[in-house]
Amino acid sequence: MRYHATIKDIPEYTVCAYRTVLPTYATLMDLMPELGKKLTRLYPKLKCAEPEYCFNVYSTLEYQDHDIEVEICAAVTQAFPDKDGITFKKMPAVRALSVLHRGSYSRLNEAYSYAGTWLDKNGYELNGEPRESYIDGIWNKDNEDDWLTEVQLPIS
């Protein structure tokens, strides 16, 4: 896959967040629908910000295929009281290296490899935890080849 790097400013957001440890990345496919049901039940008035910005924050910088620490986040219009593992907080604005990845999540490591090389060649340093923003996926595309994920690496 051919990648392209851009620098972008991501504004501050209020987010609804859920932190967990995934046995494997495949676990996300089961967790996300259940998490959606839980949010609907706990927060019936919860509204996503527009444009939508849903992303995962990974606390480790190296690729792991098991025991993956992740914070699942969605930008929302307002905060509510924390309940049952769901928290609300402000995510600060960041400048990030953005790399778009089209296709299966199992190949996201290719985008990360490209991004790391690009950072080294261009004199930037990682300055925070990596994010993955899911633009197109299983919820709106039938073919994995059409999934679109934005890898975002905070930089300085």
N, C-alpha and C. Protein backbone atom coordinates (compact mmCIF):
# COMPACT_ATOMS: atom_id res chain seq x y z
N MET A 1 0.85 -1.18 0.00
CA MET A 1 0.00 0.00 0.00
C MET A 1 0.89 1.24 0.00
N ARG A 2 0.46 2.24 -0.70
CA ARG A 2 1.20 3.49 -0.76
C ARG A 2 0.63 4.44 0.29
N TYR A 3 1.51 5.04 1.08
CA TYR A 3 1.09 5.94 2.15
C TYR A 3 1.55 7.36 1.87
N HIS A 4 0.89 8.30 2.53
CA HIS A 4 1.23 9.71 2.45
C HIS A 4 1.09 10.29 3.85
N ALA A 5 2.04 11.11 4.25
CA ALA A 5 2.00 11.71 5.58
C ALA A 5 1.61 13.18 5.49
N THR A 6 0.76 13.61 6.43
CA THR A 6 0.42 15.02 6.55
C THR A 6 0.48 15.38 8.04
N ILE A 7 0.71 16.66 8.29
CA ILE A 7 0.67 17.18 9.65
C ILE A 7 -0.67 17.89 9.81
N LYS A 8 -1.36 17.60 10.90
CA LYS A 8 -2.65 18.24 11.12
C LYS A 8 -2.80 18.62 12.58
N ASP A 9 -3.60 19.63 12.82
CA ASP A 9 -3.94 20.05 14.17
C ASP A 9 -5.29 19.47 14.53
N ILE A 10 -5.32 18.71 15.60
CA ILE A 10 -6.56 18.12 16.09
C ILE A 10 -7.02 18.97 17.28
N PRO A 11 -8.22 19.53 17.21
CA PRO A 11 -8.68 20.42 18.29
C PRO A 11 -8.99 19.66 19.58
N GLU A 12 -9.18 20.43 20.64
CA GLU A 12 -9.63 19.86 21.91
C GLU A 12 -11.05 19.33 21.74
N TYR A 13 -11.31 18.19 22.37
CA TYR A 13 -12.64 17.59 22.35
C TYR A 13 -13.03 17.14 23.75
N THR A 14 -14.33 17.19 24.01
CA THR A 14 -14.89 16.45 25.15
C THR A 14 -15.17 15.06 24.63
N VAL A 15 -14.69 14.05 25.35
CA VAL A 15 -14.89 12.68 24.89
C VAL A 15 -15.54 11.82 25.96
N CYS A 16 -16.22 10.84 25.48
CA CYS A 16 -16.74 9.74 26.27
C CYS A 16 -15.71 8.63 26.07
N ALA A 17 -15.18 8.06 27.15
CA ALA A 17 -14.06 7.12 27.01
C ALA A 17 -14.29 5.86 27.84
N TYR A 18 -13.72 4.77 27.33
CA TYR A 18 -13.77 3.48 28.02
C TYR A 18 -12.39 2.84 27.88
N ARG A 19 -11.74 2.62 29.01
CA ARG A 19 -10.38 2.04 29.02
C ARG A 19 -10.48 0.55 29.34
N THR A 20 -9.72 -0.25 28.58
CA THR A 20 -9.73 -1.70 28.79
C THR A 20 -8.44 -2.31 28.28
N VAL A 21 -8.27 -3.58 28.53
CA VAL A 21 -7.17 -4.36 27.96
C VAL A 21 -7.80 -5.42 27.07
N LEU A 22 -7.43 -5.42 25.80
CA LEU A 22 -7.98 -6.36 24.82
C LEU A 22 -7.11 -7.61 24.77
N PRO A 23 -7.70 -8.79 24.82
CA PRO A 23 -6.89 -10.00 24.64
C PRO A 23 -6.20 -10.00 23.27
N THR A 24 -6.93 -9.58 22.22
CA THR A 24 -6.41 -9.45 20.86
C THR A 24 -7.15 -8.31 20.19
N TYR A 25 -6.64 -7.84 19.06
CA TYR A 25 -7.34 -6.79 18.31
C TYR A 25 -8.71 -7.26 17.83
N ALA A 26 -8.83 -8.53 17.52
CA ALA A 26 -10.11 -9.07 17.05
C ALA A 26 -11.22 -8.88 18.08
N THR A 27 -10.86 -8.77 19.34
CA THR A 27 -11.82 -8.57 20.42
C THR A 27 -12.63 -7.29 20.21
N LEU A 28 -12.04 -6.30 19.55
CA LEU A 28 -12.75 -5.04 19.29
C LEU A 28 -14.05 -5.27 18.54
N MET A 29 -14.05 -6.23 17.62
CA MET A 29 -15.24 -6.48 16.81
C MET A 29 -16.42 -6.92 17.67
N ASP A 30 -16.14 -7.61 18.77
CA ASP A 30 -17.20 -8.02 19.70
C ASP A 30 -17.51 -6.93 20.72
N LEU A 31 -16.47 -6.22 21.16
CA LEU A 31 -16.64 -5.22 22.20
C LEU A 31 -17.43 -4.00 21.73
N MET A 32 -17.18 -3.52 20.52
CA MET A 32 -17.79 -2.26 20.07
C MET A 32 -19.32 -2.29 20.08
N PRO A 33 -19.98 -3.32 19.54
CA PRO A 33 -21.45 -3.32 19.60
C PRO A 33 -21.97 -3.35 21.04
N GLU A 34 -21.31 -4.10 21.91
CA GLU A 34 -21.73 -4.16 23.32
C GLU A 34 -21.53 -2.82 24.01
N LEU A 35 -20.43 -2.15 23.69
CA LEU A 35 -20.16 -0.84 24.28
C LEU A 35 -21.20 0.17 23.79
N GLY A 36 -21.59 0.09 22.53
CA GLY A 36 -22.64 0.96 21.99
C GLY A 36 -23.95 0.78 22.72
N LYS A 37 -24.34 -0.46 22.98
CA LYS A 37 -25.57 -0.74 23.72
C LYS A 37 -25.49 -0.18 25.14
N LYS A 38 -24.34 -0.34 25.77
CA LYS A 38 -24.14 0.15 27.14
C LYS A 38 -24.27 1.67 27.18
N LEU A 39 -23.67 2.36 26.22
CA LEU A 39 -23.76 3.83 26.18
C LEU A 39 -25.20 4.29 25.98
N THR A 40 -25.91 3.62 25.11
CA THR A 40 -27.32 3.97 24.86
C THR A 40 -28.16 3.79 26.11
N ARG A 41 -27.87 2.71 26.84
CA ARG A 41 -28.63 2.43 28.07
C ARG A 41 -28.29 3.43 29.17
N LEU A 42 -26.99 3.71 29.38
CA LEU A 42 -26.57 4.58 30.48
C LEU A 42 -26.80 6.07 30.19
N TYR A 43 -26.68 6.44 28.91
CA TYR A 43 -26.73 7.86 28.53
C TYR A 43 -27.66 8.08 27.33
N PRO A 44 -28.96 7.98 27.53
CA PRO A 44 -29.89 8.11 26.39
C PRO A 44 -29.82 9.47 25.70
N LYS A 45 -29.33 10.50 26.36
CA LYS A 45 -29.25 11.84 25.75
C LYS A 45 -27.86 12.14 25.18
N LEU A 46 -26.98 11.18 25.19
CA LEU A 46 -25.63 11.36 24.67
C LEU A 46 -25.67 11.59 23.16
N LYS A 47 -24.94 12.63 22.71
CA LYS A 47 -24.87 12.94 21.28
C LYS A 47 -23.40 13.07 20.87
N CYS A 48 -23.08 12.50 19.73
CA CYS A 48 -21.73 12.62 19.20
C CYS A 48 -21.54 14.01 18.61
N ALA A 49 -20.31 14.51 18.70
CA ALA A 49 -19.96 15.78 18.08
C ALA A 49 -20.05 15.63 16.57
N GLU A 50 -20.24 16.74 15.88
CA GLU A 50 -20.24 16.73 14.42
C GLU A 50 -19.16 17.67 13.93
N PRO A 51 -18.29 17.27 13.03
CA PRO A 51 -18.28 15.92 12.44
C PRO A 51 -17.87 14.89 13.48
N GLU A 52 -18.29 13.65 13.26
CA GLU A 52 -17.97 12.59 14.20
C GLU A 52 -16.47 12.37 14.28
N TYR A 53 -15.98 12.08 15.47
CA TYR A 53 -14.57 11.77 15.68
C TYR A 53 -14.51 10.65 16.72
N CYS A 54 -14.40 9.43 16.24
CA CYS A 54 -14.26 8.25 17.09
C CYS A 54 -12.85 7.72 16.90
N PHE A 55 -12.19 7.42 18.01
CA PHE A 55 -10.80 7.00 17.92
C PHE A 55 -10.42 6.16 19.13
N ASN A 56 -9.36 5.40 18.95
CA ASN A 56 -8.77 4.63 20.05
C ASN A 56 -7.41 5.21 20.35
N VAL A 57 -7.07 5.26 21.63
CA VAL A 57 -5.76 5.70 22.07
C VAL A 57 -5.05 4.48 22.64
N TYR A 58 -3.85 4.22 22.15
CA TYR A 58 -3.08 3.06 22.59
C TYR A 58 -1.95 3.52 23.49
N SER A 59 -1.82 2.88 24.66
CA SER A 59 -0.83 3.33 25.63
C SER A 59 0.56 2.77 25.41
N THR A 60 0.70 1.80 24.52
CA THR A 60 2.04 1.29 24.20
C THR A 60 2.41 1.72 22.79
N LEU A 61 3.67 2.03 22.61
CA LEU A 61 4.13 2.51 21.32
C LEU A 61 4.55 1.38 20.39
N GLU A 62 4.83 0.22 20.95
CA GLU A 62 5.22 -0.91 20.12
C GLU A 62 3.99 -1.75 19.79
N TYR A 63 4.05 -2.41 18.64
CA TYR A 63 2.95 -3.28 18.24
C TYR A 63 2.86 -4.46 19.20
N GLN A 64 1.66 -4.80 19.62
CA GLN A 64 1.39 -5.96 20.45
C GLN A 64 0.26 -6.74 19.80
N ASP A 65 0.31 -8.05 19.87
CA ASP A 65 -0.79 -8.82 19.31
C ASP A 65 -1.70 -9.39 20.40
N HIS A 66 -1.37 -9.12 21.68
CA HIS A 66 -2.24 -9.55 22.78
C HIS A 66 -2.04 -8.61 23.96
N ASP A 67 -2.99 -8.63 24.89
CA ASP A 67 -2.96 -7.76 26.08
C ASP A 67 -2.72 -6.30 25.69
N ILE A 68 -3.60 -5.78 24.86
CA ILE A 68 -3.46 -4.44 24.29
C ILE A 68 -4.23 -3.43 25.14
N GLU A 69 -3.51 -2.48 25.72
CA GLU A 69 -4.14 -1.43 26.51
C GLU A 69 -4.70 -0.37 25.56
N VAL A 70 -5.99 -0.10 25.69
CA VAL A 70 -6.64 0.84 24.78
C VAL A 70 -7.67 1.67 25.52
N GLU A 71 -7.82 2.91 25.08
CA GLU A 71 -8.91 3.77 25.54
C GLU A 71 -9.75 4.08 24.30
N ILE A 72 -10.98 3.63 24.32
CA ILE A 72 -11.92 3.82 23.20
C ILE A 72 -12.64 5.14 23.45
N CYS A 73 -12.56 6.07 22.49
CA CYS A 73 -13.08 7.42 22.69
C CYS A 73 -14.01 7.85 21.56
N ALA A 74 -14.97 8.67 21.92
CA ALA A 74 -15.84 9.31 20.94
C ALA A 74 -16.05 10.76 21.37
N ALA A 75 -15.85 11.69 20.45
CA ALA A 75 -16.10 13.10 20.75
C ALA A 75 -17.61 13.28 20.91
N VAL A 76 -17.99 13.98 21.98
CA VAL A 76 -19.41 14.18 22.30
C VAL A 76 -19.69 15.66 22.52
N THR A 77 -20.98 16.00 22.51
CA THR A 77 -21.37 17.41 22.65
C THR A 77 -21.36 17.90 24.09
N GLN A 78 -21.44 16.97 25.07
CA GLN A 78 -21.40 17.37 26.47
C GLN A 78 -20.98 16.18 27.33
N ALA A 79 -20.47 16.50 28.51
CA ALA A 79 -20.07 15.47 29.46
C ALA A 79 -21.25 15.10 30.36
N PHE A 80 -21.23 13.87 30.83
CA PHE A 80 -22.20 13.35 31.78
C PHE A 80 -21.43 12.75 32.95
N PRO A 81 -22.11 12.41 34.04
CA PRO A 81 -21.42 11.76 35.15
C PRO A 81 -20.83 10.40 34.72
N ASP A 82 -19.65 10.09 35.23
CA ASP A 82 -19.01 8.81 34.93
C ASP A 82 -19.82 7.68 35.55
N LYS A 83 -19.95 6.57 34.80
CA LYS A 83 -20.69 5.40 35.28
C LYS A 83 -20.12 4.13 34.68
N ASP A 84 -20.04 3.09 35.47
CA ASP A 84 -19.80 1.74 34.99
C ASP A 84 -18.63 1.64 34.00
N GLY A 85 -17.51 2.31 34.33
CA GLY A 85 -16.32 2.26 33.48
C GLY A 85 -16.28 3.28 32.37
N ILE A 86 -17.36 4.02 32.17
CA ILE A 86 -17.42 5.07 31.15
C ILE A 86 -17.03 6.38 31.82
N THR A 87 -16.08 7.10 31.23
CA THR A 87 -15.65 8.39 31.78
C THR A 87 -15.81 9.47 30.72
N PHE A 88 -15.92 10.70 31.19
CA PHE A 88 -15.98 11.87 30.31
C PHE A 88 -14.83 12.78 30.69
N LYS A 89 -14.16 13.31 29.67
CA LYS A 89 -13.01 14.17 29.92
C LYS A 89 -12.70 15.01 28.70
N LYS A 90 -11.83 15.99 28.90
CA LYS A 90 -11.34 16.80 27.79
C LYS A 90 -10.08 16.15 27.25
N MET A 91 -10.03 16.00 25.95
CA MET A 91 -8.80 15.57 25.27
C MET A 91 -8.18 16.84 24.71
N PRO A 92 -6.95 17.14 25.11
CA PRO A 92 -6.34 18.40 24.67
C PRO A 92 -6.06 18.40 23.16
N ALA A 93 -5.96 19.59 22.62
CA ALA A 93 -5.58 19.75 21.22
C ALA A 93 -4.17 19.20 21.02
N VAL A 94 -3.92 18.59 19.87
CA VAL A 94 -2.59 18.07 19.55
C VAL A 94 -2.27 18.34 18.09
N ARG A 95 -1.00 18.44 17.82
CA ARG A 95 -0.49 18.42 16.44
C ARG A 95 -0.08 16.99 16.19
N ALA A 96 -0.51 16.44 15.06
CA ALA A 96 -0.27 15.02 14.82
C ALA A 96 0.18 14.76 13.39
N LEU A 97 0.97 13.72 13.25
CA LEU A 97 1.27 13.15 11.95
C LEU A 97 0.10 12.25 11.60
N SER A 98 -0.46 12.43 10.43
CA SER A 98 -1.62 11.66 9.98
C SER A 98 -1.22 10.80 8.80
N VAL A 99 -1.54 9.51 8.89
CA VAL A 99 -1.31 8.58 7.79
C VAL A 99 -2.60 7.79 7.60
N LEU A 100 -3.15 7.83 6.39
CA LEU A 100 -4.38 7.09 6.09
C LEU A 100 -4.04 5.67 5.65
N HIS A 101 -4.77 4.72 6.20
CA HIS A 101 -4.59 3.30 5.87
C HIS A 101 -5.92 2.76 5.33
N ARG A 102 -5.88 2.23 4.12
CA ARG A 102 -7.07 1.61 3.55
C ARG A 102 -6.89 0.10 3.60
N GLY A 103 -7.90 -0.59 4.16
CA GLY A 103 -7.86 -2.04 4.20
C GLY A 103 -7.99 -2.59 5.61
N SER A 104 -7.65 -3.85 5.73
CA SER A 104 -7.80 -4.60 6.98
C SER A 104 -6.99 -3.99 8.12
N TYR A 105 -7.56 -4.09 9.31
CA TYR A 105 -6.85 -3.64 10.50
C TYR A 105 -5.60 -4.48 10.74
N SER A 106 -5.60 -5.70 10.23
CA SER A 106 -4.45 -6.59 10.45
C SER A 106 -3.18 -6.07 9.77
N ARG A 107 -3.34 -5.09 8.87
CA ARG A 107 -2.18 -4.53 8.19
C ARG A 107 -1.85 -3.11 8.65
N LEU A 108 -2.47 -2.67 9.74
CA LEU A 108 -2.19 -1.32 10.24
C LEU A 108 -0.73 -1.12 10.61
N ASN A 109 -0.05 -2.21 10.96
CA ASN A 109 1.37 -2.09 11.31
C ASN A 109 2.17 -1.48 10.15
N GLU A 110 1.72 -1.67 8.91
CA GLU A 110 2.40 -1.07 7.76
C GLU A 110 2.32 0.46 7.81
N ALA A 111 1.18 0.99 8.20
CA ALA A 111 1.02 2.44 8.32
C ALA A 111 1.88 2.99 9.44
N TYR A 112 1.93 2.26 10.55
CA TYR A 112 2.78 2.69 11.67
C TYR A 112 4.25 2.67 11.29
N SER A 113 4.68 1.66 10.55
CA SER A 113 6.07 1.57 10.10
C SER A 113 6.41 2.75 9.20
N TYR A 114 5.53 3.05 8.26
CA TYR A 114 5.73 4.21 7.38
C TYR A 114 5.82 5.49 8.21
N ALA A 115 4.91 5.66 9.16
CA ALA A 115 4.87 6.87 9.98
C ALA A 115 6.15 7.03 10.80
N GLY A 116 6.62 5.94 11.39
CA GLY A 116 7.86 6.00 12.17
C GLY A 116 9.05 6.40 11.33
N THR A 117 9.15 5.84 10.14
CA THR A 117 10.24 6.19 9.23
C THR A 117 10.13 7.65 8.81
N TRP A 118 8.90 8.10 8.52
CA TRP A 118 8.69 9.49 8.12
C TRP A 118 9.10 10.44 9.24
N LEU A 119 8.73 10.13 10.48
CA LEU A 119 9.12 10.98 11.61
C LEU A 119 10.63 11.10 11.70
N ASP A 120 11.34 9.98 11.61
CA ASP A 120 12.80 9.98 11.70
C ASP A 120 13.42 10.82 10.59
N LYS A 121 12.95 10.65 9.38
CA LYS A 121 13.52 11.35 8.22
C LYS A 121 13.25 12.86 8.24
N ASN A 122 12.17 13.26 8.92
CA ASN A 122 11.75 14.66 8.88
C ASN A 122 11.97 15.41 10.18
N GLY A 123 12.66 14.81 11.13
CA GLY A 123 13.07 15.52 12.34
C GLY A 123 11.98 15.75 13.38
N TYR A 124 10.92 14.97 13.35
CA TYR A 124 9.87 15.10 14.36
C TYR A 124 10.03 14.01 15.41
N GLU A 125 9.48 14.28 16.59
CA GLU A 125 9.49 13.28 17.65
C GLU A 125 8.06 13.00 18.10
N LEU A 126 7.83 11.76 18.46
CA LEU A 126 6.55 11.37 19.01
C LEU A 126 6.36 12.07 20.34
N ASN A 127 5.17 12.64 20.56
CA ASN A 127 4.91 13.41 21.77
C ASN A 127 3.54 13.05 22.33
N GLY A 128 3.32 11.77 22.56
CA GLY A 128 2.03 11.33 23.10
C GLY A 128 1.67 9.96 22.59
N GLU A 129 0.52 9.51 23.01
CA GLU A 129 0.07 8.16 22.67
C GLU A 129 -0.58 8.13 21.29
N PRO A 130 -0.29 7.08 20.51
CA PRO A 130 -0.88 6.95 19.18
C PRO A 130 -2.40 6.84 19.24
N ARG A 131 -3.05 7.35 18.19
CA ARG A 131 -4.49 7.25 18.04
C ARG A 131 -4.79 6.59 16.69
N GLU A 132 -5.92 5.92 16.65
CA GLU A 132 -6.46 5.42 15.40
C GLU A 132 -7.89 5.93 15.29
N SER A 133 -8.15 6.68 14.24
CA SER A 133 -9.50 7.19 13.99
C SER A 133 -10.12 6.36 12.88
N TYR A 134 -11.28 5.82 13.16
CA TYR A 134 -11.94 4.90 12.23
C TYR A 134 -12.96 5.66 11.40
N ILE A 135 -12.66 5.81 10.13
CA ILE A 135 -13.48 6.61 9.22
C ILE A 135 -14.51 5.74 8.52
N ASP A 136 -14.06 4.66 7.94
CA ASP A 136 -14.95 3.67 7.32
C ASP A 136 -14.57 2.30 7.85
N GLY A 137 -15.56 1.44 8.10
CA GLY A 137 -15.27 0.11 8.64
C GLY A 137 -16.45 -0.82 8.49
N ILE A 138 -16.48 -1.82 9.34
CA ILE A 138 -17.48 -2.87 9.27
C ILE A 138 -18.91 -2.33 9.34
N TRP A 139 -19.09 -1.17 10.00
CA TRP A 139 -20.42 -0.59 10.17
C TRP A 139 -20.99 0.02 8.89
N ASN A 140 -20.11 0.37 7.91
CA ASN A 140 -20.64 1.01 6.71
C ASN A 140 -20.03 0.51 5.40
N LYS A 141 -19.12 -0.44 5.48
CA LYS A 141 -18.49 -0.99 4.27
C LYS A 141 -18.52 -2.51 4.32
N ASP A 142 -18.97 -3.14 3.25
CA ASP A 142 -19.06 -4.59 3.19
C ASP A 142 -17.71 -5.26 2.96
N ASN A 143 -16.82 -4.56 2.29
CA ASN A 143 -15.54 -5.14 1.90
C ASN A 143 -14.41 -4.55 2.76
N GLU A 144 -13.60 -5.41 3.38
CA GLU A 144 -12.46 -4.96 4.20
C GLU A 144 -11.53 -4.04 3.42
N ASP A 145 -11.40 -4.25 2.13
CA ASP A 145 -10.51 -3.42 1.32
C ASP A 145 -10.95 -1.96 1.29
N ASP A 146 -12.20 -1.69 1.65
CA ASP A 146 -12.73 -0.33 1.65
C ASP A 146 -12.67 0.35 3.02
N TRP A 147 -12.22 -0.36 4.04
CA TRP A 147 -12.11 0.24 5.37
C TRP A 147 -11.04 1.33 5.33
N LEU A 148 -11.26 2.42 6.06
CA LEU A 148 -10.32 3.53 6.09
C LEU A 148 -10.06 3.93 7.53
N THR A 149 -8.80 3.89 7.92
CA THR A 149 -8.36 4.23 9.27
C THR A 149 -7.29 5.31 9.17
N GLU A 150 -7.39 6.31 10.03
CA GLU A 150 -6.36 7.34 10.10
C GLU A 150 -5.50 7.07 11.33
N VAL A 151 -4.23 6.80 11.11
CA VAL A 151 -3.26 6.68 12.20
C VAL A 151 -2.79 8.09 12.53
N GLN A 152 -2.91 8.47 13.80
CA GLN A 152 -2.53 9.81 14.25
C GLN A 152 -1.47 9.69 15.33
N LEU A 153 -0.30 10.26 15.06
CA LEU A 153 0.79 10.24 16.04
C LEU A 153 1.07 11.66 16.51
N PRO A 154 0.78 11.96 17.80
CA PRO A 154 1.09 13.31 18.31
C PRO A 154 2.60 13.57 18.18
N ILE A 155 2.94 14.77 17.73
CA ILE A 155 4.34 15.09 17.47
C ILE A 155 4.76 16.40 18.12
N SER A 156 6.06 16.57 18.19
CA SER A 156 6.63 17.87 18.59
C SER A 156 7.86 18.13 17.74
